[in-house]
Protein backbone atom coordinates (compact mmCIF):
# COMPACT_ATOMS: atom_id res chain seq x y z
CA VAL A 1 -1.36 -7.65 17.56
CA ALA A 2 -2.97 -10.41 15.74
CA ASN A 3 -1.64 -14.27 15.45
CA SER A 4 -4.27 -15.80 14.13
CA ALA A 5 -5.07 -14.20 10.85
CA TYR A 6 -3.32 -16.49 9.15
CA ASN A 7 -1.71 -19.66 9.95
CA SER A 8 1.96 -19.55 11.63
CA VAL A 9 2.36 -15.50 10.75
CA MET A 10 2.40 -13.05 13.97
CA MET A 11 1.37 -9.47 13.04
CA ARG A 12 1.64 -6.41 14.48
CA ARG A 13 0.61 -2.87 13.69
CA SER A 14 1.49 0.23 15.20
CA LEU A 15 0.25 4.25 14.15
CA ALA A 16 1.20 7.51 15.66
CA LEU A 17 -0.06 10.51 14.93
CA SER A 18 1.65 13.91 14.92
CA PRO A 19 1.39 17.59 13.97
CA SER A 20 3.50 16.76 10.87
CA GLY A 21 1.75 13.54 9.97
CA LEU A 22 1.19 9.83 10.51
CA THR A 23 3.53 6.93 10.78
CA ASP A 24 2.50 3.09 10.57
CA VAL A 25 4.69 0.36 11.09
CA TYR A 26 3.49 -2.71 10.15
CA THR A 27 6.03 -6.15 10.96
CA CYS A 28 5.30 -10.04 10.12
CA THR A 29 6.83 -12.51 11.03
CA SER A 30 6.54 -16.59 10.21
CA ASP A 31 8.75 -19.17 10.37
CA SER A 32 8.49 -20.11 6.92
CA ILE A 33 8.71 -17.74 3.53
CA HIS A 34 5.48 -15.93 2.63
CA THR A 35 4.61 -13.29 0.09
CA TYR A 36 3.10 -10.11 1.89
CA ASP A 37 1.33 -7.36 0.71
CA TYR A 38 0.52 -3.90 2.34
CA VAL A 39 -1.74 -1.96 0.46
CA LEU A 40 -2.25 1.91 0.77
CA LEU A 41 -5.62 3.21 -1.08
CA LEU A 42 -5.07 6.51 -1.62
CA ARG A 43 -8.17 8.90 -3.64
CA GLU A 44 -5.84 10.56 -6.16
CA ASP A 45 -3.38 9.50 -8.43
CA PRO A 46 -0.14 9.94 -6.92
CA THR A 47 3.13 11.99 -8.32
CA ILE A 48 6.33 9.44 -8.41
CA THR A 49 9.66 10.59 -10.37
CA GLN A 50 11.06 7.05 -10.99
CA GLN A 51 10.16 5.29 -13.83
CA GLY A 52 7.94 2.50 -13.74
CA LEU A 53 7.34 -0.84 -15.67
CA PRO A 54 3.90 -2.23 -16.81
CA ALA A 55 2.78 -5.07 -14.21
CA GLN A 56 1.98 -8.49 -14.71
CA ASP A 57 -1.45 -9.62 -13.31
CA ASP A 58 -0.46 -12.54 -11.01
CA GLY A 59 -4.15 -13.87 -10.83
CA ARG A 60 -4.25 -13.05 -7.05
CA ASP A 61 -7.82 -12.69 -5.82
CA GLY A 62 -8.88 -8.63 -6.19
CA TYR A 63 -6.17 -7.65 -7.70
CA ALA A 64 -7.34 -8.23 -11.49
CA LYS A 65 -9.99 -5.53 -11.13
CA ILE A 66 -6.65 -2.69 -10.80
CA SER A 67 -6.15 -1.61 -14.02
CA GLU A 68 -2.88 0.33 -15.45
CA MET A 69 -0.59 -0.86 -12.95
CA LYS A 70 2.74 -0.50 -12.84
CA GLU A 71 5.69 -1.82 -10.73
CA TYR A 72 8.72 -0.18 -9.11
CA ASP A 73 11.81 -1.71 -7.47
CA SER A 74 12.27 -0.46 -4.10
CA THR A 75 15.53 -1.24 -1.79
CA GLY A 76 15.02 0.83 1.11
CA GLU A 77 12.85 4.05 0.41
CA PHE A 78 10.16 4.82 -2.15
CA TYR A 79 8.53 7.91 -1.93
CA LEU A 80 5.06 8.78 -3.12
CA GLU A 81 3.40 12.48 -3.81
CA THR A 82 -0.43 13.61 -3.28
CA SER A 83 -2.09 16.94 -3.29
CA SER A 84 -2.15 16.07 0.88
CA GLY A 85 1.29 15.43 1.32
CA LYS A 86 4.64 13.30 0.65
CA ILE A 87 4.68 9.73 1.47
CA LYS A 88 7.76 7.69 2.35
CA ILE A 89 7.45 3.85 2.74
CA SER A 90 10.64 2.42 3.87
CA THR A 91 11.23 -1.72 3.92
CA PRO A 92 14.83 -2.72 5.21
CA GLY A 93 15.10 -4.76 2.10
CA SER A 94 13.96 -5.03 -1.14
CA ALA A 95 10.27 -4.57 -2.00
CA LYS A 96 8.64 -4.28 -5.34
CA ILE A 97 5.96 -1.33 -5.58
CA LEU A 98 3.05 -1.88 -7.51
CA VAL A 99 0.68 1.25 -8.35
CA GLY A 100 -2.71 1.14 -10.24
CA ARG A 101 -5.78 2.34 -10.53
CA ALA A 102 -9.39 0.77 -9.40
CA LYS A 103 -12.64 1.53 -8.64
CA GLY A 104 -12.91 1.86 -4.54
CA PRO A 105 -15.09 2.06 -1.66
CA ALA A 106 -18.66 3.20 -2.50
CA GLN A 107 -19.32 6.87 -0.96
CA LYS A 108 -22.19 9.29 -0.52
CA LYS A 109 -22.27 12.37 -3.14
CA GLU A 110 -23.05 15.45 -1.69
CA THR A 111 -25.46 15.69 -4.66
CA SER A 112 -27.59 12.64 -3.94
CA ASN A 113 -28.15 9.73 -1.28
CA VAL A 114 -27.05 7.19 -3.57
CA ASP A 115 -23.62 5.07 -3.19
CA GLN A 116 -21.31 5.46 -5.70
CA LEU A 117 -18.29 4.08 -6.81
CA SER A 118 -15.28 6.16 -6.68
CA LEU A 119 -11.80 5.81 -8.17
CA CYS A 120 -9.07 4.82 -6.50
CA TRP A 121 -5.36 4.04 -6.50
CA PRO A 122 -4.35 0.82 -4.44
CA VAL A 123 -0.16 0.86 -3.75
CA ILE A 124 0.69 -2.14 -3.05
CA VAL A 125 4.10 -2.90 -1.06
CA ARG A 126 4.90 -6.67 -2.00
CA THR A 127 7.97 -8.73 0.03
CA ILE A 128 8.75 -11.94 -0.18
CA GLY A 129 10.77 -13.70 3.19
CA GLN A 130 10.09 -15.11 6.55
CA ASN A 131 9.06 -11.51 7.58
CA MET A 132 8.21 -8.23 6.62
CA GLU A 133 8.36 -4.39 7.88
CA VAL A 134 6.86 -1.66 6.39
CA LYS A 135 7.32 1.82 7.87
CA VAL A 136 5.22 4.73 6.14
CA ASN A 137 5.39 7.96 6.88
CA TRP A 138 2.90 10.40 5.66
CA MET A 139 3.99 13.99 5.77
CA LEU A 140 1.17 16.50 5.60
CA LYS A 141 0.91 19.64 4.12
């Protein structure tokens, strides 16, 4: 639970690991309307069955470094798949899902001791309102 990251926003997160996967529940509550972004960083390009549209850069800090961003509308559930499993993103209302490509966190390469940036695929779940709830189920293979 955090209540000091953003003025007047109470944030709560819970993680549960089971033999079948990981469940991540993230909620924010406030007395005023906010734009909330929940961000996942994937290490491979996810498979998405629904058709996305090119997303417009809205000038938010850090997001300008994301390329090839597509936007998906989601009401209720949205699915992605990677080589490690299926990811189900649930929201109680509508959300925009943004998926793109960016240079990710530095990682040591096995062949050298030098940190090198690797590619990552940010998945951004954006909701607008007083409250946000995102539930992510990672169903591992």
